């Protein structure tokens, strides 16, 4: 899972979903870290090697 904090305080998470042919789901939470703002399969996400 990868995480990124946006300039506006929202938090983005990406996770690979094997049941969906390995597509990446992006979930964006509001600043409170609990409320879901948006969730969708991110076609442009590229995994970064660590």
Protein backbone atom coordinates (compact mmCIF):
# COMPACT_ATOMS: atom_id res chain seq x y z
CA UNK A 1 0.00 0.00 0.00
CA UNK A 2 1.29 3.46 -0.85
CA UNK A 3 0.27 6.66 0.93
CA UNK A 4 0.52 10.34 0.03
CA UNK A 5 -0.66 13.45 1.90
CA UNK A 6 -2.03 16.15 -0.39
CA UNK A 7 -1.38 19.87 0.12
CA UNK A 8 -4.97 20.30 1.37
CA UNK A 9 -4.45 17.66 4.11
CA UNK A 10 -6.38 14.87 2.41
CA UNK A 11 -4.72 11.46 2.42
CA UNK A 12 -4.43 9.23 -0.66
CA UNK A 13 -3.97 5.47 -0.39
CA UNK A 14 -3.34 3.04 -3.25
CA UNK A 15 -3.63 -0.70 -2.91
CA UNK A 16 -3.40 -3.51 -5.46
CA UNK A 17 -6.62 -5.54 -5.68
CA UNK A 18 -5.81 -9.02 -6.94
CA UNK A 19 -9.51 -9.89 -7.32
CA UNK A 20 -9.73 -7.11 -9.92
CA UNK A 21 -6.86 -8.37 -12.09
CA UNK A 22 -4.25 -6.47 -10.09
CA UNK A 23 -5.77 -3.02 -10.62
CA UNK A 24 -4.99 -0.30 -8.08
CA UNK A 25 -7.74 1.17 -5.92
CA UNK A 26 -7.20 4.77 -4.81
CA UNK A 27 -9.01 5.88 -1.66
CA UNK A 28 -8.93 9.55 -0.65
CA UNK A 29 -9.70 10.41 2.98
CA UNK A 30 -10.53 13.84 4.34
CA UNK A 31 -8.22 15.60 6.78
CA UNK A 32 -9.75 13.73 9.73
CA UNK A 33 -8.23 10.50 8.37
CA UNK A 34 -11.54 8.63 8.65
CA UNK A 35 -14.09 10.13 6.25
CA UNK A 36 -13.90 8.74 2.70
CA UNK A 37 -13.93 11.53 0.11
CA UNK A 38 -13.55 9.33 -2.97
CA UNK A 39 -12.59 5.81 -4.05
CA UNK A 40 -11.92 4.55 -7.58
CA UNK A 41 -9.69 2.31 -9.67
CA UNK A 42 -6.73 4.48 -10.69
CA UNK A 43 -5.78 3.58 -14.28
CA UNK A 44 -2.77 5.92 -14.27
CA UNK A 45 -1.13 4.63 -11.05
CA UNK A 46 2.40 3.29 -11.50
CA UNK A 47 3.95 1.34 -8.61
CA UNK A 48 7.22 2.84 -7.37
CA UNK A 49 9.97 0.39 -6.46
CA UNK A 50 11.39 0.93 -2.98
